[in-house]
């Protein structure tokens, strides 16, 4: 679905930065801006809401220019939901998500130098717990089979 939206005038620079971080060496024809916008929308988590609201406030006075973006139906619906929850337009929500993603990429570069982020540690701990639970379940099933 193609949608016209008002994007920041530095939209191309932000998208290039995001493209390089996620897909090193990729060109505009490899991963178009619309694809990256869909990825950004789909990867948004509610835990980032405070940061997103801050980015939206910063966006209010920035110059904008029209862009046509192609959205997947699910991604567009998710963008509309995000915009409704924040009481802003979909274009404003998307601009905030792009800014947030571009800034988070810079933060993640610094985290690589200082060690893993707390989110990664939490995910790793959760996965290890699930593995332990599965191993216990396998042992119980093996005991039942032997009987």
C-alpha atoms as a PDB file:
ATOM      1  CA  UNK A   1       0.000   0.000   0.000  1.00  0.00           C
ATOM      2  CA  UNK A   2       1.494   3.335  -1.066  1.00  0.00           C
ATOM      3  CA  UNK A   3       1.088   6.261   1.301  1.00  0.00           C
ATOM      4  CA  UNK A   4       2.219   9.882   0.973  1.00  0.00           C
ATOM      5  CA  UNK A   5       3.732  11.240   4.184  1.00  0.00           C
ATOM      6  CA  UNK A   6       5.602  14.302   5.349  1.00  0.00           C
ATOM      7  CA  UNK A   7       9.089  13.121   6.279  1.00  0.00           C
ATOM      8  CA  UNK A   8      12.011  15.102   7.680  1.00  0.00           C
ATOM      9  CA  UNK A   9      14.206  16.746   5.079  1.00  0.00           C
ATOM     10  CA  UNK A  10      17.148  14.613   6.278  1.00  0.00           C
ATOM     11  CA  UNK A  11      15.095  11.420   5.734  1.00  0.00           C
ATOM     12  CA  UNK A  12      17.525  10.013   3.160  1.00  0.00           C
ATOM     13  CA  UNK A  13      20.517  10.552   5.447  1.00  0.00           C
ATOM     14  CA  UNK A  14      18.783   8.826   8.381  1.00  0.00           C
ATOM     15  CA  UNK A  15      17.690   5.891   6.201  1.00  0.00           C
ATOM     16  CA  UNK A  16      21.207   5.566   4.754  1.00  0.00           C
ATOM     17  CA  UNK A  17      22.607   5.441   8.287  1.00  0.00           C
ATOM     18  CA  UNK A  18      20.084   2.769   9.326  1.00  0.00           C
ATOM     19  CA  UNK A  19      20.702   0.773   6.127  1.00  0.00           C
ATOM     20  CA  UNK A  20      24.455   0.777   6.693  1.00  0.00           C
ATOM     21  CA  UNK A  21      24.087  -0.336  10.307  1.00  0.00           C
ATOM     22  CA  UNK A  22      21.706  -3.211   9.574  1.00  0.00           C
ATOM     23  CA  UNK A  23      22.951  -4.242   6.123  1.00  0.00           C
ATOM     24  CA  UNK A  24      26.603  -3.283   5.780  1.00  0.00           C
ATOM     25  CA  UNK A  25      27.568  -2.415   2.233  1.00  0.00           C
ATOM     26  CA  UNK A  26      23.970  -2.550   0.968  1.00  0.00           C
ATOM     27  CA  UNK A  27      22.820  -0.006  -1.589  1.00  0.00           C
ATOM     28  CA  UNK A  28      19.544   1.870  -1.936  1.00  0.00           C
ATOM     29  CA  UNK A  29      18.439  -0.605  -4.584  1.00  0.00           C
ATOM     30  CA  UNK A  30      19.201  -3.569  -2.287  1.00  0.00           C
ATOM     31  CA  UNK A  31      17.106  -2.323   0.635  1.00  0.00           C
ATOM     32  CA  UNK A  32      14.769   0.505  -0.210  1.00  0.00           C
ATOM     33  CA  UNK A  33      13.602   3.095   2.299  1.00  0.00           C
ATOM     34  CA  UNK A  34      10.113   1.568   2.397  1.00  0.00           C
ATOM     35  CA  UNK A  35      11.542  -1.830   3.387  1.00  0.00           C
ATOM     36  CA  UNK A  36      13.567  -0.249   6.194  1.00  0.00           C
ATOM     37  CA  UNK A  37      10.555   1.751   7.415  1.00  0.00           C
ATOM     38  CA  UNK A  38       8.514  -1.461   7.593  1.00  0.00           C
ATOM     39  CA  UNK A  39      11.334  -3.117   9.559  1.00  0.00           C
ATOM     40  CA  UNK A  40      11.504  -0.168  11.958  1.00  0.00           C
ATOM     41  CA  UNK A  41       7.755  -0.262  12.561  1.00  0.00           C
ATOM     42  CA  UNK A  42       7.711  -4.030  13.087  1.00  0.00           C
ATOM     43  CA  UNK A  43      10.628  -3.932  15.538  1.00  0.00           C
ATOM     44  CA  UNK A  44       9.171  -1.178  17.738  1.00  0.00           C
ATOM     45  CA  UNK A  45       8.591  -2.306  21.313  1.00  0.00           C
ATOM     46  CA  UNK A  46       6.367  -0.678  23.904  1.00  0.00           C
ATOM     47  CA  UNK A  47       9.377  -0.363  26.221  1.00  0.00           C
ATOM     48  CA  UNK A  48      10.665   2.354  23.857  1.00  0.00           C
ATOM     49  CA  UNK A  49       7.549   4.521  24.240  1.00  0.00           C
ATOM     50  CA  UNK A  50       9.133   7.190  26.461  1.00  0.00           C
ATOM     51  CA  UNK A  51      12.071   7.591  24.076  1.00  0.00           C
ATOM     52  CA  UNK A  52       9.670   7.762  21.122  1.00  0.00           C
ATOM     53  CA  UNK A  53       7.576  10.484  22.784  1.00  0.00           C
ATOM     54  CA  UNK A  54      10.758  12.482  23.359  1.00  0.00           C
ATOM     55  CA  UNK A  55      11.744  12.129  19.677  1.00  0.00           C
ATOM     56  CA  UNK A  56       8.248  13.197  18.596  1.00  0.00           C
ATOM     57  CA  UNK A  57       8.494  16.358  20.715  1.00  0.00           C
ATOM     58  CA  UNK A  58      11.867  17.184  19.124  1.00  0.00           C
ATOM     59  CA  UNK A  59      10.334  16.642  15.664  1.00  0.00           C
ATOM     60  CA  UNK A  60       7.694  19.372  15.981  1.00  0.00           C
ATOM     61  CA  UNK A  61       9.701  22.236  14.479  1.00  0.00           C
ATOM     62  CA  UNK A  62      11.881  20.362  11.969  1.00  0.00           C
ATOM     63  CA  UNK A  63      11.394  21.031   8.238  1.00  0.00           C
ATOM     64  CA  UNK A  64       9.545  18.339   6.304  1.00  0.00           C
ATOM     65  CA  UNK A  65       9.079  17.260   2.707  1.00  0.00           C
ATOM     66  CA  UNK A  66       6.588  14.847   1.081  1.00  0.00           C
ATOM     67  CA  UNK A  67       7.602  11.223   0.441  1.00  0.00           C
ATOM     68  CA  UNK A  68       5.750   8.231  -0.956  1.00  0.00           C
ATOM     69  CA  UNK A  69       6.399   5.043   0.994  1.00  0.00           C
ATOM     70  CA  UNK A  70       5.129   1.529   0.378  1.00  0.00           C
ATOM     71  CA  UNK A  71       3.916  -0.278   3.485  1.00  0.00           C
ATOM     72  CA  UNK A  72       3.060  -3.889   4.118  1.00  0.00           C
ATOM     73  CA  UNK A  73      -0.534  -4.096   5.320  1.00  0.00           C
ATOM     74  CA  UNK A  74       0.468  -5.398   8.766  1.00  0.00           C
ATOM     75  CA  UNK A  75       3.155  -2.765   9.192  1.00  0.00           C
ATOM     76  CA  UNK A  76       0.781   0.022   8.188  1.00  0.00           C
ATOM     77  CA  UNK A  77      -1.842  -1.211  10.649  1.00  0.00           C
ATOM     78  CA  UNK A  78       0.811  -1.346  13.378  1.00  0.00           C
ATOM     79  CA  UNK A  79       1.925   2.206  12.521  1.00  0.00           C
ATOM     80  CA  UNK A  80      -1.681   3.388  12.812  1.00  0.00           C
ATOM     81  CA  UNK A  81      -1.978   1.677  16.212  1.00  0.00           C
ATOM     82  CA  UNK A  82       1.253   3.289  17.428  1.00  0.00           C
ATOM     83  CA  UNK A  83       0.064   6.696  16.209  1.00  0.00           C
ATOM     84  CA  UNK A  84      -3.335   6.289  17.907  1.00  0.00           C
ATOM     85  CA  UNK A  85      -1.747   5.258  21.192  1.00  0.00           C
ATOM     86  CA  UNK A  86       0.460   8.377  21.144  1.00  0.00           C
ATOM     87  CA  UNK A  87      -2.296  10.628  19.782  1.00  0.00           C
ATOM     88  CA  UNK A  88      -0.209  11.790  16.808  1.00  0.00           C
ATOM     89  CA  UNK A  89      -0.408  11.389  13.043  1.00  0.00           C
ATOM     90  CA  UNK A  90       1.076   8.260  11.436  1.00  0.00           C
ATOM     91  CA  UNK A  91       3.719  10.403   9.708  1.00  0.00           C
ATOM     92  CA  UNK A  92       4.759  11.928  13.030  1.00  0.00           C
ATOM     93  CA  UNK A  93       4.972   8.471  14.610  1.00  0.00           C
ATOM     94  CA  UNK A  94       7.090   7.178  11.713  1.00  0.00           C
ATOM     95  CA  UNK A  95       9.430  10.174  11.864  1.00  0.00           C
ATOM     96  CA  UNK A  96       9.872   9.525  15.580  1.00  0.00           C
ATOM     97  CA  UNK A  97      10.552   5.826  14.978  1.00  0.00           C
ATOM     98  CA  UNK A  98      13.167   6.655  12.350  1.00  0.00           C
ATOM     99  CA  UNK A  99      14.885   9.142  14.670  1.00  0.00           C
ATOM    100  CA  UNK A 100      14.729   6.668  17.545  1.00  0.00           C
ATOM    101  CA  UNK A 101      16.166   3.863  15.425  1.00  0.00           C
ATOM    102  CA  UNK A 102      18.967   6.018  14.039  1.00  0.00           C
ATOM    103  CA  UNK A 103      19.903   7.162  17.563  1.00  0.00           C
ATOM    104  CA  UNK A 104      19.652   3.653  19.025  1.00  0.00           C
ATOM    105  CA  UNK A 105      22.068   2.432  16.401  1.00  0.00           C
ATOM    106  CA  UNK A 106      24.634   4.951  17.622  1.00  0.00           C
ATOM    107  CA  UNK A 107      24.016   3.845  21.221  1.00  0.00           C
ATOM    108  CA  UNK A 108      24.378   0.178  20.289  1.00  0.00           C
ATOM    109  CA  UNK A 109      27.788   0.916  18.757  1.00  0.00           C
ATOM    110  CA  UNK A 110      28.930   2.257  22.111  1.00  0.00           C
ATOM    111  CA  UNK A 111      27.447  -0.749  23.920  1.00  0.00           C
ATOM    112  CA  UNK A 112      29.472  -3.125  21.784  1.00  0.00           C
ATOM    113  CA  UNK A 113      32.627  -1.536  23.160  1.00  0.00           C
ATOM    114  CA  UNK A 114      31.484  -1.621  26.803  1.00  0.00           C
ATOM    115  CA  UNK A 115      29.833  -5.042  26.826  1.00  0.00           C
ATOM    116  CA  UNK A 116      26.400  -6.519  26.208  1.00  0.00           C
ATOM    117  CA  UNK A 117      23.297  -4.513  26.976  1.00  0.00           C
ATOM    118  CA  UNK A 118      21.007  -5.487  29.848  1.00  0.00           C
ATOM    119  CA  UNK A 119      18.367  -6.547  27.293  1.00  0.00           C
ATOM    120  CA  UNK A 120      20.744  -9.069  25.751  1.00  0.00           C
ATOM    121  CA  UNK A 121      21.672 -10.417  29.159  1.00  0.00           C
ATOM    122  CA  UNK A 122      17.989 -10.783  30.076  1.00  0.00           C
ATOM    123  CA  UNK A 123      17.221 -12.588  26.810  1.00  0.00           C
ATOM    124  CA  UNK A 124      20.174 -14.903  27.313  1.00  0.00           C
ATOM    125  CA  UNK A 125      19.107 -15.715  30.879  1.00  0.00           C
ATOM    126  CA  UNK A 126      15.541 -16.396  29.698  1.00  0.00           C
ATOM    127  CA  UNK A 127      16.755 -18.700  26.935  1.00  0.00           C
ATOM    128  CA  UNK A 128      18.981 -20.599  29.365  1.00  0.00           C
ATOM    129  CA  UNK A 129      16.007 -21.056  31.721  1.00  0.00           C
ATOM    130  CA  UNK A 130      13.873 -22.374  28.871  1.00  0.00           C
ATOM    131  CA  UNK A 131      16.628 -24.787  27.841  1.00  0.00           C
ATOM    132  CA  UNK A 132      16.862 -26.043  31.420  1.00  0.00           C
ATOM    133  CA  UNK A 133      13.066 -26.548  31.542  1.00  0.00           C
ATOM    134  CA  UNK A 134      13.169 -28.470  28.262  1.00  0.00           C
ATOM    135  CA  UNK A 135      16.029 -30.652  29.481  1.00  0.00           C
ATOM    136  CA  UNK A 136      14.043 -31.472  32.634  1.00  0.00           C
ATOM    137  CA  UNK A 137      11.006 -32.323  30.520  1.00  0.00           C
ATOM    138  CA  UNK A 138      13.088 -34.621  28.292  1.00  0.00           C
ATOM    139  CA  UNK A 139      14.440 -36.413  31.370  1.00  0.00           C
ATOM    140  CA  UNK A 140      10.924 -36.911  32.747  1.00  0.00           C
ATOM    141  CA  UNK A 141       9.681 -38.260  29.421  1.00  0.00           C
ATOM    142  CA  UNK A 142      12.639 -40.638  29.190  1.00  0.00           C
ATOM    143  CA  UNK A 143      11.834 -41.945  32.673  1.00  0.00           C
ATOM    144  CA  UNK A 144       8.197 -42.492  31.674  1.00  0.00           C
ATOM    145  CA  UNK A 145       9.233 -44.356  28.517  1.00  0.00           C
ATOM    146  CA  UNK A 146      11.542 -46.702  30.471  1.00  0.00           C
ATOM    147  CA  UNK A 147       8.758 -47.729  32.859  1.00  0.00           C
END
